[in-house]
Protein backbone atom coordinates (compact mmCIF):
# COMPACT_ATOMS: atom_id res chain seq x y z
CA UNK A 1 0.00 0.00 0.00
CA UNK A 2 2.72 2.50 0.94
CA UNK A 3 4.34 2.32 -2.51
CA UNK A 4 1.14 3.77 -3.97
CA UNK A 5 1.06 6.81 -1.67
CA UNK A 6 4.01 8.95 -2.84
CA UNK A 7 2.36 9.87 -6.17
CA UNK A 8 -0.84 10.71 -4.29
CA UNK A 9 1.06 13.09 -1.97
CA UNK A 10 2.14 14.91 -5.15
CA UNK A 11 -1.24 14.71 -6.89
CA UNK A 12 -2.45 17.79 -8.79
CA UNK A 13 -5.70 17.81 -6.81
CA UNK A 14 -5.28 19.33 -3.36
CA UNK A 15 -8.10 17.21 -1.94
CA UNK A 16 -6.23 14.02 -2.76
CA UNK A 17 -3.03 15.31 -1.13
CA UNK A 18 -4.97 16.36 1.97
CA UNK A 19 -6.74 12.99 2.33
CA UNK A 20 -3.46 11.07 2.10
CA UNK A 21 -1.92 13.35 4.74
CA UNK A 22 -4.92 12.72 6.96
CA UNK A 23 -4.61 8.96 6.46
CA UNK A 24 -0.92 8.98 7.36
CA UNK A 25 -1.49 11.22 10.36
CA UNK A 26 -4.13 8.90 11.74
CA UNK A 27 -2.15 5.72 11.06
CA UNK A 28 0.91 7.25 12.73
CA UNK A 29 -0.83 7.63 16.06
CA UNK A 30 -1.94 4.00 16.40
CA UNK A 31 1.37 2.21 16.85
CA UNK A 32 4.67 1.61 15.17
CA UNK A 33 3.76 -1.27 12.84
CA UNK A 34 3.44 1.11 9.89
CA UNK A 35 6.59 3.20 10.49
CA UNK A 36 9.09 0.96 8.65
CA UNK A 37 6.78 0.97 5.62
CA UNK A 38 6.54 4.78 5.73
CA UNK A 39 10.32 5.05 5.77
CA UNK A 40 10.80 2.52 2.97
CA UNK A 41 8.29 4.31 0.74
CA UNK A 42 9.92 7.70 1.30
CA UNK A 43 6.76 9.21 2.76
CA UNK A 44 8.31 11.37 5.49
CA UNK A 45 10.11 13.83 3.20
CA UNK A 46 6.91 14.21 1.17
CA UNK A 47 4.88 14.87 4.31
CA UNK A 48 7.34 17.53 5.44
CA UNK A 49 7.14 19.10 1.99
CA UNK A 50 3.36 19.06 2.37
CA UNK A 51 3.70 21.41 5.35
CA UNK A 52 4.50 24.12 2.79
CA UNK A 53 1.79 23.11 0.28
CA UNK A 54 -0.15 25.88 -1.47
CA UNK A 55 -3.39 24.37 -0.15
CA UNK A 56 -4.29 25.19 3.45
CA UNK A 57 -5.99 21.88 4.22
CA UNK A 58 -3.03 19.93 2.87
CA UNK A 59 -0.63 22.05 4.96
CA UNK A 60 -2.67 21.47 8.10
CA UNK A 61 -2.99 17.72 7.58
CA UNK A 62 0.66 17.32 6.59
CA UNK A 63 1.65 19.07 9.82
CA UNK A 64 -0.73 16.77 11.69
CA UNK A 65 0.94 13.72 10.11
CA UNK A 66 4.49 14.97 10.71
CA UNK A 67 3.61 15.85 14.30
CA UNK A 68 2.16 12.41 14.98
CA UNK A 69 5.09 10.67 13.33
CA UNK A 70 7.57 12.61 15.42
CA UNK A 71 5.61 12.44 18.65
CA UNK A 72 4.83 8.74 18.60
CA UNK A 73 8.16 7.42 17.33
CA UNK A 74 11.71 8.35 18.24
CA UNK A 75 12.82 6.46 15.12
CA UNK A 76 10.74 8.69 12.88
CA UNK A 77 11.52 11.86 14.82
CA UNK A 78 15.24 11.53 14.10
CA UNK A 79 14.48 11.60 10.38
CA UNK A 80 11.71 14.21 10.54
CA UNK A 81 13.67 16.62 12.75
CA UNK A 82 16.35 17.36 10.15
CA UNK A 83 13.80 17.98 7.39
CA UNK A 84 11.65 20.19 9.61
CA UNK A 85 14.63 22.29 10.70
CA UNK A 86 15.72 22.85 7.12
CA UNK A 87 12.12 23.59 6.13
CA UNK A 88 11.84 26.33 8.73
CA UNK A 89 14.41 28.31 6.79
CA UNK A 90 12.21 28.02 3.70
CA UNK A 91 9.27 29.84 5.23
CA UNK A 92 7.40 27.23 7.24
CA UNK A 93 5.82 28.91 10.21
CA UNK A 94 5.70 32.36 8.64
CA UNK A 95 2.47 34.14 9.30
CA UNK A 96 1.27 31.48 11.69
CA UNK A 97 2.13 33.35 14.85
CA UNK A 98 4.52 30.59 15.81
CA UNK A 99 7.64 32.74 15.91
CA UNK A 100 9.42 30.20 13.74
CA UNK A 101 10.15 32.27 10.65
C-alpha atoms as a PDB file:
ATOM      1  CA  UNK A   1       0.000   0.000   0.000  1.00  0.00           C
ATOM      2  CA  UNK A   2       2.724   2.505   0.937  1.00  0.00           C
ATOM      3  CA  UNK A   3       4.345   2.318  -2.506  1.00  0.00           C
ATOM      4  CA  UNK A   4       1.145   3.770  -3.968  1.00  0.00           C
ATOM      5  CA  UNK A   5       1.064   6.812  -1.675  1.00  0.00           C
ATOM      6  CA  UNK A   6       4.011   8.953  -2.839  1.00  0.00           C
ATOM      7  CA  UNK A   7       2.361   9.867  -6.169  1.00  0.00           C
ATOM      8  CA  UNK A   8      -0.836  10.714  -4.292  1.00  0.00           C
ATOM      9  CA  UNK A   9       1.061  13.086  -1.975  1.00  0.00           C
ATOM     10  CA  UNK A  10       2.138  14.906  -5.149  1.00  0.00           C
ATOM     11  CA  UNK A  11      -1.241  14.711  -6.892  1.00  0.00           C
ATOM     12  CA  UNK A  12      -2.445  17.790  -8.793  1.00  0.00           C
ATOM     13  CA  UNK A  13      -5.701  17.807  -6.808  1.00  0.00           C
ATOM     14  CA  UNK A  14      -5.284  19.326  -3.358  1.00  0.00           C
ATOM     15  CA  UNK A  15      -8.100  17.212  -1.936  1.00  0.00           C
ATOM     16  CA  UNK A  16      -6.232  14.022  -2.764  1.00  0.00           C
ATOM     17  CA  UNK A  17      -3.032  15.305  -1.130  1.00  0.00           C
ATOM     18  CA  UNK A  18      -4.969  16.362   1.970  1.00  0.00           C
ATOM     19  CA  UNK A  19      -6.736  12.991   2.333  1.00  0.00           C
ATOM     20  CA  UNK A  20      -3.460  11.072   2.104  1.00  0.00           C
ATOM     21  CA  UNK A  21      -1.915  13.352   4.739  1.00  0.00           C
ATOM     22  CA  UNK A  22      -4.918  12.718   6.963  1.00  0.00           C
ATOM     23  CA  UNK A  23      -4.607   8.956   6.465  1.00  0.00           C
ATOM     24  CA  UNK A  24      -0.917   8.983   7.360  1.00  0.00           C
ATOM     25  CA  UNK A  25      -1.491  11.218  10.355  1.00  0.00           C
ATOM     26  CA  UNK A  26      -4.127   8.899  11.737  1.00  0.00           C
ATOM     27  CA  UNK A  27      -2.153   5.718  11.057  1.00  0.00           C
ATOM     28  CA  UNK A  28       0.910   7.247  12.734  1.00  0.00           C
ATOM     29  CA  UNK A  29      -0.826   7.626  16.061  1.00  0.00           C
ATOM     30  CA  UNK A  30      -1.938   4.002  16.401  1.00  0.00           C
ATOM     31  CA  UNK A  31       1.366   2.211  16.848  1.00  0.00           C
ATOM     32  CA  UNK A  32       4.666   1.614  15.173  1.00  0.00           C
ATOM     33  CA  UNK A  33       3.758  -1.274  12.843  1.00  0.00           C
ATOM     34  CA  UNK A  34       3.442   1.109   9.890  1.00  0.00           C
ATOM     35  CA  UNK A  35       6.594   3.201  10.486  1.00  0.00           C
ATOM     36  CA  UNK A  36       9.088   0.965   8.647  1.00  0.00           C
ATOM     37  CA  UNK A  37       6.783   0.975   5.623  1.00  0.00           C
ATOM     38  CA  UNK A  38       6.539   4.777   5.727  1.00  0.00           C
ATOM     39  CA  UNK A  39      10.324   5.049   5.768  1.00  0.00           C
ATOM     40  CA  UNK A  40      10.799   2.518   2.973  1.00  0.00           C
ATOM     41  CA  UNK A  41       8.287   4.306   0.736  1.00  0.00           C
ATOM     42  CA  UNK A  42       9.924   7.703   1.299  1.00  0.00           C
ATOM     43  CA  UNK A  43       6.761   9.212   2.761  1.00  0.00           C
ATOM     44  CA  UNK A  44       8.314  11.374   5.495  1.00  0.00           C
ATOM     45  CA  UNK A  45      10.106  13.833   3.196  1.00  0.00           C
ATOM     46  CA  UNK A  46       6.914  14.207   1.167  1.00  0.00           C
ATOM     47  CA  UNK A  47       4.881  14.871   4.313  1.00  0.00           C
ATOM     48  CA  UNK A  48       7.340  17.531   5.443  1.00  0.00           C
ATOM     49  CA  UNK A  49       7.136  19.100   1.987  1.00  0.00           C
ATOM     50  CA  UNK A  50       3.357  19.057   2.371  1.00  0.00           C
ATOM     51  CA  UNK A  51       3.701  21.406   5.346  1.00  0.00           C
ATOM     52  CA  UNK A  52       4.497  24.116   2.787  1.00  0.00           C
ATOM     53  CA  UNK A  53       1.794  23.112   0.280  1.00  0.00           C
ATOM     54  CA  UNK A  54      -0.150  25.880  -1.471  1.00  0.00           C
ATOM     55  CA  UNK A  55      -3.395  24.369  -0.150  1.00  0.00           C
ATOM     56  CA  UNK A  56      -4.288  25.189   3.447  1.00  0.00           C
ATOM     57  CA  UNK A  57      -5.988  21.876   4.215  1.00  0.00           C
ATOM     58  CA  UNK A  58      -3.033  19.935   2.869  1.00  0.00           C
ATOM     59  CA  UNK A  59      -0.631  22.050   4.955  1.00  0.00           C
ATOM     60  CA  UNK A  60      -2.673  21.470   8.100  1.00  0.00           C
ATOM     61  CA  UNK A  61      -2.988  17.721   7.582  1.00  0.00           C
ATOM     62  CA  UNK A  62       0.656  17.316   6.589  1.00  0.00           C
ATOM     63  CA  UNK A  63       1.655  19.073   9.817  1.00  0.00           C
ATOM     64  CA  UNK A  64      -0.732  16.766  11.695  1.00  0.00           C
ATOM     65  CA  UNK A  65       0.943  13.717  10.113  1.00  0.00           C
ATOM     66  CA  UNK A  66       4.488  14.968  10.711  1.00  0.00           C
ATOM     67  CA  UNK A  67       3.610  15.849  14.303  1.00  0.00           C
ATOM     68  CA  UNK A  68       2.164  12.412  14.983  1.00  0.00           C
ATOM     69  CA  UNK A  69       5.086  10.670  13.327  1.00  0.00           C
ATOM     70  CA  UNK A  70       7.574  12.610  15.419  1.00  0.00           C
ATOM     71  CA  UNK A  71       5.606  12.439  18.653  1.00  0.00           C
ATOM     72  CA  UNK A  72       4.825   8.744  18.601  1.00  0.00           C
ATOM     73  CA  UNK A  73       8.165   7.419  17.329  1.00  0.00           C
ATOM     74  CA  UNK A  74      11.712   8.350  18.235  1.00  0.00           C
ATOM     75  CA  UNK A  75      12.820   6.456  15.122  1.00  0.00           C
ATOM     76  CA  UNK A  76      10.736   8.689  12.878  1.00  0.00           C
ATOM     77  CA  UNK A  77      11.517  11.864  14.817  1.00  0.00           C
ATOM     78  CA  UNK A  78      15.238  11.529  14.102  1.00  0.00           C
ATOM     79  CA  UNK A  79      14.475  11.599  10.383  1.00  0.00           C
ATOM     80  CA  UNK A  80      11.710  14.211  10.544  1.00  0.00           C
ATOM     81  CA  UNK A  81      13.675  16.620  12.746  1.00  0.00           C
ATOM     82  CA  UNK A  82      16.348  17.357  10.154  1.00  0.00           C
ATOM     83  CA  UNK A  83      13.803  17.982   7.387  1.00  0.00           C
ATOM     84  CA  UNK A  84      11.652  20.187   9.613  1.00  0.00           C
ATOM     85  CA  UNK A  85      14.628  22.293  10.704  1.00  0.00           C
ATOM     86  CA  UNK A  86      15.723  22.845   7.119  1.00  0.00           C
ATOM     87  CA  UNK A  87      12.122  23.592   6.132  1.00  0.00           C
ATOM     88  CA  UNK A  88      11.844  26.328   8.727  1.00  0.00           C
ATOM     89  CA  UNK A  89      14.409  28.311   6.791  1.00  0.00           C
ATOM     90  CA  UNK A  90      12.212  28.016   3.700  1.00  0.00           C
ATOM     91  CA  UNK A  91       9.271  29.836   5.234  1.00  0.00           C
ATOM     92  CA  UNK A  92       7.400  27.225   7.242  1.00  0.00           C
ATOM     93  CA  UNK A  93       5.823  28.911  10.206  1.00  0.00           C
ATOM     94  CA  UNK A  94       5.702  32.364   8.640  1.00  0.00           C
ATOM     95  CA  UNK A  95       2.466  34.143   9.298  1.00  0.00           C
ATOM     96  CA  UNK A  96       1.268  31.475  11.692  1.00  0.00           C
ATOM     97  CA  UNK A  97       2.133  33.353  14.853  1.00  0.00           C
ATOM     98  CA  UNK A  98       4.522  30.591  15.809  1.00  0.00           C
ATOM     99  CA  UNK A  99       7.643  32.739  15.912  1.00  0.00           C
ATOM    100  CA  UNK A 100       9.418  30.204  13.741  1.00  0.00           C
ATOM    101  CA  UNK A 101      10.145  32.270  10.646  1.00  0.00           C
END
